Amino acid sequence: MASIRIISTSRVCAASDKQTNLKVELTPWDLRLLLEEYTQRGLLFHKPKYENTHNIQHLKSSPSQTLDLFAPLAGRLATIKHDDNTTSFFIDFNNEGAQFVHAVADGVSVADIIQPIYVPKIVYLFFPLNAVGNYEGTSKPLLAVQVTELVDGIFIGISINHTVADATSF
């Protein structure tokens, strides 16, 4: 059976931290999503004909520039307890960063993923933050990206907290 090896896990922050003192309160519409799991999407590519050893490093550094444009993804969920025994949730633009995981799927090819009628179980391992609830965004990144190298391709798995963005966002 094929396996996944985690090569590295790191944190990617926005290139500048000029928005770190901002916050966005969650609405009642957002609050209903706290018990849901992170939204996940994946992108599958064949390896380019001309291998570039810097592709993974480029994929790791490019989110930093994107986080400048969408700072909430580099933050965390936070709570405020009020005197009337209620609690408010908000997104704290604290630039604690997104998660970036580099992995290798030994012996897995693009064909192993796209040929079966049903999605192979190993694909589940191509995503970071599996089975994580949105409410856990108080201690976990709101965005996580895992780049998994295949024998002849690459799979980019993205997990995003649903209180920040939904599946139609990407």
N, C-alpha and C. Protein backbone atom coordinates (compact mmCIF):
# COMPACT_ATOMS: atom_id res chain seq x y z
N MET A 1 0.83 -1.19 0.00
CA MET A 1 0.00 0.00 0.00
C MET A 1 0.88 1.25 0.00
N ALA A 2 0.46 2.24 -0.72
CA ALA A 2 1.19 3.50 -0.81
C ALA A 2 1.16 4.23 0.53
N SER A 3 2.17 5.06 0.74
CA SER A 3 2.24 5.81 1.99
C SER A 3 2.60 7.26 1.73
N ILE A 4 2.39 8.07 2.74
CA ILE A 4 2.71 9.49 2.68
C ILE A 4 3.85 9.76 3.67
N ARG A 5 4.84 10.51 3.21
CA ARG A 5 5.92 10.95 4.10
C ARG A 5 5.86 12.46 4.20
N ILE A 6 5.77 12.98 5.40
CA ILE A 6 5.81 14.43 5.60
C ILE A 6 7.28 14.84 5.60
N ILE A 7 7.63 15.71 4.67
CA ILE A 7 9.01 16.20 4.56
C ILE A 7 9.23 17.38 5.50
N SER A 8 8.27 18.32 5.49
CA SER A 8 8.39 19.48 6.37
C SER A 8 7.02 20.10 6.61
N THR A 9 6.92 20.78 7.72
CA THR A 9 5.74 21.57 8.05
C THR A 9 6.25 22.91 8.53
N SER A 10 5.69 23.99 7.97
CA SER A 10 6.15 25.31 8.36
C SER A 10 4.99 26.30 8.38
N ARG A 11 5.28 27.46 8.89
CA ARG A 11 4.29 28.53 8.98
C ARG A 11 4.66 29.59 7.96
N VAL A 12 3.64 30.08 7.24
CA VAL A 12 3.84 31.14 6.25
C VAL A 12 3.03 32.35 6.71
N CYS A 13 3.70 33.45 6.92
CA CYS A 13 3.03 34.68 7.36
C CYS A 13 2.93 35.66 6.21
N ALA A 14 2.07 36.66 6.38
CA ALA A 14 1.98 37.73 5.38
C ALA A 14 3.34 38.42 5.29
N ALA A 15 3.68 38.90 4.11
CA ALA A 15 4.97 39.55 3.91
C ALA A 15 5.10 40.81 4.76
N SER A 16 4.00 41.52 4.94
CA SER A 16 4.01 42.70 5.81
C SER A 16 2.94 42.49 6.88
N ASP A 17 3.14 43.11 8.01
CA ASP A 17 2.16 42.94 9.09
C ASP A 17 1.45 44.26 9.40
N LYS A 18 1.14 45.00 8.35
CA LYS A 18 0.52 46.31 8.54
C LYS A 18 -0.94 46.23 8.98
N GLN A 19 -1.58 45.05 8.85
CA GLN A 19 -2.98 44.91 9.23
C GLN A 19 -3.16 44.11 10.51
N THR A 20 -2.15 43.99 11.33
CA THR A 20 -2.22 43.09 12.49
C THR A 20 -3.13 43.58 13.61
N ASN A 21 -3.53 44.83 13.62
CA ASN A 21 -4.39 45.31 14.70
C ASN A 21 -5.87 45.31 14.31
N LEU A 22 -6.22 44.68 13.21
CA LEU A 22 -7.60 44.64 12.75
C LEU A 22 -8.30 43.38 13.22
N LYS A 23 -9.64 43.45 13.23
CA LYS A 23 -10.43 42.26 13.53
C LYS A 23 -11.77 42.38 12.83
N VAL A 24 -12.38 41.22 12.58
CA VAL A 24 -13.70 41.16 11.96
C VAL A 24 -14.59 40.29 12.85
N GLU A 25 -15.68 40.87 13.32
CA GLU A 25 -16.63 40.12 14.15
C GLU A 25 -17.38 39.11 13.28
N LEU A 26 -17.63 37.93 13.81
CA LEU A 26 -18.42 36.94 13.09
C LEU A 26 -19.91 37.25 13.27
N THR A 27 -20.66 37.06 12.22
CA THR A 27 -22.11 37.29 12.25
C THR A 27 -22.82 36.01 12.70
N PRO A 28 -24.10 36.10 13.03
CA PRO A 28 -24.84 34.87 13.35
C PRO A 28 -24.77 33.84 12.21
N TRP A 29 -24.72 34.32 10.98
CA TRP A 29 -24.59 33.42 9.82
C TRP A 29 -23.26 32.66 9.88
N ASP A 30 -22.20 33.37 10.26
CA ASP A 30 -20.88 32.74 10.39
C ASP A 30 -20.84 31.76 11.56
N LEU A 31 -21.48 32.12 12.66
CA LEU A 31 -21.43 31.30 13.87
C LEU A 31 -21.99 29.90 13.66
N ARG A 32 -22.98 29.78 12.80
CA ARG A 32 -23.58 28.46 12.56
C ARG A 32 -22.59 27.50 11.91
N LEU A 33 -21.51 28.04 11.33
CA LEU A 33 -20.51 27.21 10.67
C LEU A 33 -19.40 26.72 11.60
N LEU A 34 -19.38 27.18 12.84
CA LEU A 34 -18.30 26.82 13.75
C LEU A 34 -18.19 25.32 14.00
N LEU A 35 -19.31 24.61 13.95
CA LEU A 35 -19.27 23.16 14.20
C LEU A 35 -18.97 22.34 12.95
N GLU A 36 -18.94 22.99 11.80
CA GLU A 36 -18.58 22.30 10.56
C GLU A 36 -17.07 22.12 10.49
N GLU A 37 -16.63 21.22 9.60
CA GLU A 37 -15.19 21.02 9.40
C GLU A 37 -14.66 22.00 8.35
N TYR A 38 -13.36 22.16 8.33
CA TYR A 38 -12.71 23.01 7.34
C TYR A 38 -13.12 22.56 5.94
N THR A 39 -13.27 23.52 5.04
CA THR A 39 -13.56 23.23 3.64
C THR A 39 -12.26 22.80 2.97
N GLN A 40 -12.33 21.77 2.12
CA GLN A 40 -11.12 21.27 1.46
C GLN A 40 -11.32 21.17 -0.05
N ARG A 41 -10.29 21.56 -0.76
CA ARG A 41 -10.26 21.44 -2.22
C ARG A 41 -8.86 21.00 -2.62
N GLY A 42 -8.77 20.29 -3.74
CA GLY A 42 -7.47 19.81 -4.20
C GLY A 42 -7.25 20.09 -5.67
N LEU A 43 -6.00 20.27 -6.02
CA LEU A 43 -5.59 20.50 -7.41
C LEU A 43 -4.55 19.44 -7.76
N LEU A 44 -4.74 18.78 -8.89
CA LEU A 44 -3.84 17.71 -9.32
C LEU A 44 -3.19 18.10 -10.64
N PHE A 45 -1.87 18.00 -10.70
CA PHE A 45 -1.12 18.36 -11.90
C PHE A 45 -0.12 17.26 -12.25
N HIS A 46 0.13 17.11 -13.55
CA HIS A 46 1.26 16.29 -13.98
C HIS A 46 2.53 17.11 -13.76
N LYS A 47 3.64 16.44 -13.53
CA LYS A 47 4.91 17.16 -13.39
C LYS A 47 5.26 17.80 -14.72
N PRO A 48 5.85 18.99 -14.69
CA PRO A 48 6.27 19.61 -15.94
C PRO A 48 7.37 18.79 -16.61
N LYS A 49 7.46 18.93 -17.93
CA LYS A 49 8.48 18.18 -18.68
C LYS A 49 9.88 18.53 -18.20
N TYR A 50 10.07 19.80 -17.87
CA TYR A 50 11.38 20.24 -17.42
C TYR A 50 11.30 20.49 -15.92
N GLU A 51 11.83 19.57 -15.18
CA GLU A 51 11.78 19.61 -13.71
C GLU A 51 12.54 20.82 -13.19
N ASN A 52 11.92 21.53 -12.27
CA ASN A 52 12.55 22.66 -11.61
C ASN A 52 12.62 22.34 -10.12
N THR A 53 13.80 22.27 -9.58
CA THR A 53 13.96 21.90 -8.18
C THR A 53 13.45 22.98 -7.23
N HIS A 54 13.12 24.15 -7.74
CA HIS A 54 12.66 25.25 -6.90
C HIS A 54 11.14 25.35 -6.83
N ASN A 55 10.40 24.44 -7.50
CA ASN A 55 8.94 24.53 -7.52
C ASN A 55 8.33 24.51 -6.13
N ILE A 56 8.76 23.59 -5.28
CA ILE A 56 8.20 23.48 -3.94
C ILE A 56 8.50 24.74 -3.14
N GLN A 57 9.71 25.24 -3.23
CA GLN A 57 10.07 26.47 -2.51
C GLN A 57 9.24 27.65 -3.01
N HIS A 58 9.00 27.71 -4.30
CA HIS A 58 8.17 28.78 -4.85
C HIS A 58 6.73 28.66 -4.34
N LEU A 59 6.20 27.43 -4.32
CA LEU A 59 4.85 27.22 -3.80
C LEU A 59 4.76 27.57 -2.32
N LYS A 60 5.84 27.40 -1.60
CA LYS A 60 5.86 27.73 -0.17
C LYS A 60 5.91 29.23 0.06
N SER A 61 6.66 29.95 -0.75
CA SER A 61 6.83 31.39 -0.52
C SER A 61 5.72 32.24 -1.12
N SER A 62 5.05 31.77 -2.15
CA SER A 62 4.04 32.60 -2.81
C SER A 62 2.82 32.91 -1.94
N PRO A 63 2.38 32.04 -1.02
CA PRO A 63 1.23 32.44 -0.19
C PRO A 63 1.49 33.67 0.66
N SER A 64 2.74 33.94 0.99
CA SER A 64 3.08 35.11 1.79
C SER A 64 2.58 36.39 1.12
N GLN A 65 2.73 36.49 -0.19
CA GLN A 65 2.27 37.66 -0.93
C GLN A 65 0.75 37.71 -0.99
N THR A 66 0.12 36.54 -1.10
CA THR A 66 -1.34 36.46 -1.12
C THR A 66 -1.91 36.85 0.23
N LEU A 67 -1.26 36.44 1.30
CA LEU A 67 -1.74 36.78 2.64
C LEU A 67 -1.71 38.28 2.89
N ASP A 68 -0.84 39.00 2.21
CA ASP A 68 -0.85 40.47 2.29
C ASP A 68 -2.18 41.03 1.78
N LEU A 69 -2.72 40.37 0.75
CA LEU A 69 -3.97 40.85 0.14
C LEU A 69 -5.21 40.36 0.89
N PHE A 70 -5.10 39.25 1.57
CA PHE A 70 -6.23 38.70 2.30
C PHE A 70 -5.77 38.30 3.70
N ALA A 71 -5.49 39.31 4.50
CA ALA A 71 -4.89 39.15 5.83
C ALA A 71 -5.66 38.24 6.79
N PRO A 72 -6.99 38.14 6.71
CA PRO A 72 -7.68 37.26 7.67
C PRO A 72 -7.18 35.81 7.62
N LEU A 73 -6.73 35.35 6.45
CA LEU A 73 -6.26 33.97 6.34
C LEU A 73 -4.98 33.71 7.13
N ALA A 74 -4.26 34.76 7.48
CA ALA A 74 -3.04 34.61 8.28
C ALA A 74 -3.33 34.76 9.77
N GLY A 75 -4.59 35.01 10.11
CA GLY A 75 -4.96 35.22 11.51
C GLY A 75 -5.48 33.98 12.19
N ARG A 76 -6.20 34.19 13.28
CA ARG A 76 -6.82 33.12 14.05
C ARG A 76 -8.20 33.61 14.52
N LEU A 77 -9.04 32.65 14.82
CA LEU A 77 -10.30 33.00 15.48
C LEU A 77 -9.97 33.36 16.93
N ALA A 78 -10.75 34.26 17.48
CA ALA A 78 -10.56 34.65 18.87
C ALA A 78 -11.93 34.85 19.50
N THR A 79 -11.97 34.85 20.81
CA THR A 79 -13.23 35.02 21.52
C THR A 79 -13.12 36.12 22.56
N ILE A 80 -14.26 36.72 22.85
CA ILE A 80 -14.37 37.69 23.94
C ILE A 80 -15.54 37.23 24.81
N LYS A 81 -15.30 37.06 26.09
CA LYS A 81 -16.37 36.73 27.03
C LYS A 81 -16.89 38.03 27.62
N HIS A 82 -18.19 38.22 27.53
CA HIS A 82 -18.82 39.46 28.00
C HIS A 82 -19.37 39.28 29.42
N ASP A 83 -19.66 40.39 30.08
CA ASP A 83 -20.18 40.37 31.45
C ASP A 83 -21.53 39.68 31.57
N ASP A 84 -22.29 39.64 30.47
CA ASP A 84 -23.63 39.03 30.52
C ASP A 84 -23.59 37.53 30.19
N ASN A 85 -22.44 36.90 30.34
CA ASN A 85 -22.24 35.47 30.08
C ASN A 85 -22.42 35.08 28.62
N THR A 86 -22.21 36.01 27.72
CA THR A 86 -22.21 35.68 26.29
C THR A 86 -20.78 35.74 25.78
N THR A 87 -20.57 35.13 24.64
CA THR A 87 -19.24 35.10 24.03
C THR A 87 -19.35 35.53 22.58
N SER A 88 -18.42 36.37 22.15
CA SER A 88 -18.36 36.80 20.75
C SER A 88 -17.13 36.17 20.10
N PHE A 89 -17.28 35.79 18.85
CA PHE A 89 -16.16 35.28 18.06
C PHE A 89 -15.77 36.33 17.03
N PHE A 90 -14.48 36.44 16.77
CA PHE A 90 -14.01 37.33 15.72
C PHE A 90 -12.74 36.76 15.11
N ILE A 91 -12.41 37.28 13.92
CA ILE A 91 -11.16 36.91 13.27
C ILE A 91 -10.14 37.97 13.65
N ASP A 92 -9.07 37.54 14.27
CA ASP A 92 -7.99 38.42 14.70
C ASP A 92 -6.91 38.40 13.62
N PHE A 93 -6.65 39.55 13.03
CA PHE A 93 -5.63 39.66 11.97
C PHE A 93 -4.24 39.72 12.62
N ASN A 94 -3.86 38.69 13.34
CA ASN A 94 -2.62 38.73 14.12
C ASN A 94 -1.39 38.19 13.37
N ASN A 95 -1.57 37.78 12.13
CA ASN A 95 -0.47 37.29 11.28
C ASN A 95 0.29 36.12 11.93
N GLU A 96 -0.45 35.25 12.62
CA GLU A 96 0.19 34.03 13.15
C GLU A 96 0.52 33.06 12.02
N GLY A 97 -0.08 33.27 10.86
CA GLY A 97 0.34 32.54 9.68
C GLY A 97 -0.51 31.36 9.28
N ALA A 98 -0.34 30.98 8.03
CA ALA A 98 -0.97 29.79 7.46
C ALA A 98 0.02 28.64 7.59
N GLN A 99 -0.48 27.43 7.44
CA GLN A 99 0.38 26.24 7.53
C GLN A 99 0.74 25.78 6.12
N PHE A 100 2.00 25.40 5.94
CA PHE A 100 2.46 24.83 4.67
C PHE A 100 3.11 23.49 4.96
N VAL A 101 2.62 22.44 4.30
CA VAL A 101 3.15 21.09 4.48
C VAL A 101 3.69 20.59 3.15
N HIS A 102 4.89 20.04 3.17
CA HIS A 102 5.48 19.40 2.00
C HIS A 102 5.53 17.91 2.29
N ALA A 103 4.92 17.12 1.40
CA ALA A 103 4.86 15.67 1.60
C ALA A 103 5.20 14.95 0.30
N VAL A 104 5.49 13.67 0.42
CA VAL A 104 5.75 12.81 -0.73
C VAL A 104 4.87 11.57 -0.59
N ALA A 105 4.19 11.21 -1.68
CA ALA A 105 3.38 9.98 -1.71
C ALA A 105 4.17 8.94 -2.48
N ASP A 106 4.87 8.10 -1.76
CA ASP A 106 5.71 7.08 -2.38
C ASP A 106 4.87 6.10 -3.20
N GLY A 107 5.23 5.94 -4.46
CA GLY A 107 4.57 4.96 -5.31
C GLY A 107 3.20 5.33 -5.83
N VAL A 108 2.76 6.58 -5.63
CA VAL A 108 1.44 7.01 -6.11
C VAL A 108 1.62 7.86 -7.36
N SER A 109 0.87 7.52 -8.42
CA SER A 109 0.93 8.27 -9.67
C SER A 109 -0.38 9.02 -9.88
N VAL A 110 -0.39 9.92 -10.84
CA VAL A 110 -1.60 10.65 -11.20
C VAL A 110 -2.69 9.66 -11.61
N ALA A 111 -2.32 8.64 -12.37
CA ALA A 111 -3.29 7.63 -12.83
C ALA A 111 -3.93 6.91 -11.65
N ASP A 112 -3.18 6.68 -10.58
CA ASP A 112 -3.74 6.03 -9.39
C ASP A 112 -4.88 6.84 -8.77
N ILE A 113 -4.86 8.13 -9.02
CA ILE A 113 -5.89 9.01 -8.45
C ILE A 113 -7.07 9.18 -9.39
N ILE A 114 -6.80 9.36 -10.69
CA ILE A 114 -7.90 9.69 -11.61
C ILE A 114 -8.56 8.49 -12.27
N GLN A 115 -7.94 7.33 -12.30
CA GLN A 115 -8.53 6.18 -12.99
C GLN A 115 -9.64 5.47 -12.21
N PRO A 116 -9.55 5.33 -10.89
CA PRO A 116 -10.62 4.62 -10.18
C PRO A 116 -11.95 5.38 -10.26
N ILE A 117 -13.04 4.64 -10.15
CA ILE A 117 -14.37 5.26 -10.15
C ILE A 117 -14.55 6.11 -8.90
N TYR A 118 -14.11 5.59 -7.76
CA TYR A 118 -14.22 6.30 -6.49
C TYR A 118 -12.87 6.88 -6.10
N VAL A 119 -12.90 7.95 -5.34
CA VAL A 119 -11.66 8.59 -4.90
C VAL A 119 -10.91 7.63 -3.97
N PRO A 120 -9.65 7.33 -4.28
CA PRO A 120 -8.87 6.43 -3.43
C PRO A 120 -8.69 7.02 -2.02
N LYS A 121 -8.66 6.15 -1.02
CA LYS A 121 -8.56 6.59 0.37
C LYS A 121 -7.29 7.38 0.65
N ILE A 122 -6.23 7.10 -0.08
CA ILE A 122 -4.97 7.81 0.18
C ILE A 122 -5.09 9.31 -0.10
N VAL A 123 -6.02 9.69 -0.97
CA VAL A 123 -6.20 11.11 -1.30
C VAL A 123 -6.55 11.91 -0.04
N TYR A 124 -7.25 11.30 0.89
CA TYR A 124 -7.59 11.96 2.15
C TYR A 124 -6.32 12.46 2.85
N LEU A 125 -5.23 11.72 2.70
CA LEU A 125 -3.96 12.10 3.35
C LEU A 125 -3.25 13.25 2.63
N PHE A 126 -3.75 13.64 1.48
CA PHE A 126 -3.15 14.75 0.72
C PHE A 126 -3.62 16.11 1.23
N PHE A 127 -4.47 16.12 2.25
CA PHE A 127 -5.01 17.36 2.80
C PHE A 127 -4.53 17.57 4.23
N PRO A 128 -4.18 18.82 4.56
CA PRO A 128 -3.84 19.12 5.95
C PRO A 128 -5.13 19.37 6.75
N LEU A 129 -5.03 19.31 8.03
CA LEU A 129 -6.13 19.63 8.96
C LEU A 129 -7.39 18.82 8.68
N ASN A 130 -7.24 17.52 8.47
CA ASN A 130 -8.41 16.66 8.28
C ASN A 130 -9.22 16.57 9.56
N ALA A 131 -10.54 16.57 9.41
CA ALA A 131 -11.49 16.42 10.52
C ALA A 131 -11.33 17.49 11.60
N VAL A 132 -10.87 18.67 11.22
CA VAL A 132 -10.72 19.78 12.16
C VAL A 132 -11.96 20.66 12.06
N GLY A 133 -12.57 20.96 13.20
CA GLY A 133 -13.75 21.82 13.23
C GLY A 133 -13.36 23.28 13.10
N ASN A 134 -14.24 24.08 12.50
CA ASN A 134 -13.96 25.50 12.33
C ASN A 134 -13.69 26.21 13.65
N TYR A 135 -14.36 25.79 14.72
CA TYR A 135 -14.15 26.40 16.04
C TYR A 135 -12.71 26.25 16.51
N GLU A 136 -11.98 25.26 15.97
CA GLU A 136 -10.59 25.05 16.35
C GLU A 136 -9.65 26.09 15.74
N GLY A 137 -10.21 27.01 14.95
CA GLY A 137 -9.42 28.09 14.38
C GLY A 137 -8.87 29.04 15.43
N THR A 138 -9.26 28.86 16.69
CA THR A 138 -8.66 29.66 17.76
C THR A 138 -7.22 29.23 18.04
N SER A 139 -6.91 27.99 17.70
CA SER A 139 -5.55 27.49 17.95
C SER A 139 -4.88 26.90 16.70
N LYS A 140 -5.63 26.75 15.64
CA LYS A 140 -5.09 26.18 14.40
C LYS A 140 -5.15 27.24 13.30
N PRO A 141 -4.30 27.11 12.28
CA PRO A 141 -4.33 28.09 11.18
C PRO A 141 -5.69 28.11 10.48
N LEU A 142 -6.06 29.26 9.97
CA LEU A 142 -7.31 29.37 9.22
C LEU A 142 -7.14 28.89 7.79
N LEU A 143 -5.90 28.79 7.34
CA LEU A 143 -5.57 28.28 6.00
C LEU A 143 -4.39 27.32 6.13
N ALA A 144 -4.51 26.18 5.47
CA ALA A 144 -3.40 25.23 5.43
C ALA A 144 -3.29 24.67 4.02
N VAL A 145 -2.07 24.56 3.53
CA VAL A 145 -1.80 24.05 2.19
C VAL A 145 -0.82 22.89 2.31
N GLN A 146 -1.12 21.80 1.63
CA GLN A 146 -0.19 20.66 1.59
C GLN A 146 0.15 20.36 0.14
N VAL A 147 1.42 20.39 -0.18
CA VAL A 147 1.91 20.03 -1.50
C VAL A 147 2.48 18.62 -1.39
N THR A 148 1.83 17.69 -2.09
CA THR A 148 2.26 16.29 -2.05
C THR A 148 2.84 15.91 -3.41
N GLU A 149 4.10 15.51 -3.41
CA GLU A 149 4.75 15.08 -4.64
C GLU A 149 4.36 13.64 -4.94
N LEU A 150 3.94 13.40 -6.17
CA LEU A 150 3.61 12.06 -6.65
C LEU A 150 4.73 11.59 -7.56
N VAL A 151 4.67 10.34 -7.99
CA VAL A 151 5.68 9.80 -8.90
C VAL A 151 5.79 10.67 -10.15
N ASP A 152 4.65 11.05 -10.71
CA ASP A 152 4.64 11.80 -11.98
C ASP A 152 3.79 13.06 -11.91
N GLY A 153 3.56 13.57 -10.71
CA GLY A 153 2.73 14.75 -10.59
C GLY A 153 2.84 15.39 -9.22
N ILE A 154 1.90 16.28 -8.98
CA ILE A 154 1.86 17.01 -7.72
C ILE A 154 0.40 17.24 -7.36
N PHE A 155 0.08 17.12 -6.09
CA PHE A 155 -1.28 17.37 -5.60
C PHE A 155 -1.18 18.49 -4.57
N ILE A 156 -1.98 19.53 -4.77
CA ILE A 156 -2.02 20.64 -3.82
C ILE A 156 -3.36 20.56 -3.09
N GLY A 157 -3.31 20.23 -1.81
CA GLY A 157 -4.50 20.14 -0.98
C GLY A 157 -4.63 21.40 -0.14
N ILE A 158 -5.82 21.99 -0.14
CA ILE A 158 -6.06 23.24 0.58
C ILE A 158 -7.19 23.02 1.58
N SER A 159 -6.95 23.40 2.81
CA SER A 159 -7.98 23.37 3.86
C SER A 159 -8.15 24.79 4.37
N ILE A 160 -9.39 25.26 4.40
CA ILE A 160 -9.66 26.63 4.81
C ILE A 160 -10.82 26.66 5.78
N ASN A 161 -10.69 27.48 6.81
CA ASN A 161 -11.75 27.62 7.80
C ASN A 161 -12.95 28.29 7.14
N HIS A 162 -14.09 27.66 7.28
CA HIS A 162 -15.30 28.11 6.58
C HIS A 162 -15.80 29.47 7.07
N THR A 163 -15.38 29.91 8.24
CA THR A 163 -15.80 31.23 8.71
C THR A 163 -15.06 32.35 7.99
N VAL A 164 -13.97 32.02 7.33
CA VAL A 164 -13.19 33.02 6.59
C VAL A 164 -13.55 33.03 5.11
N ALA A 165 -13.74 31.86 4.53
CA ALA A 165 -14.07 31.75 3.10
C ALA A 165 -14.81 30.44 2.88
N ASP A 166 -15.60 30.39 1.84
CA ASP A 166 -16.31 29.14 1.56
C ASP A 166 -15.79 28.51 0.28
N ALA A 167 -16.38 27.38 -0.08
CA ALA A 167 -15.88 26.61 -1.23
C ALA A 167 -15.98 27.37 -2.54
N THR A 168 -16.92 28.29 -2.65
CA THR A 168 -17.03 29.05 -3.90
C THR A 168 -15.92 30.08 -4.04
N SER A 169 -15.19 30.34 -2.96
CA SER A 169 -14.08 31.29 -3.01
C SER A 169 -12.89 30.77 -3.79
N PHE A 170 -12.81 29.44 -3.92
CA PHE A 170 -11.69 28.87 -4.67
C PHE A 170 -12.12 27.69 -5.38
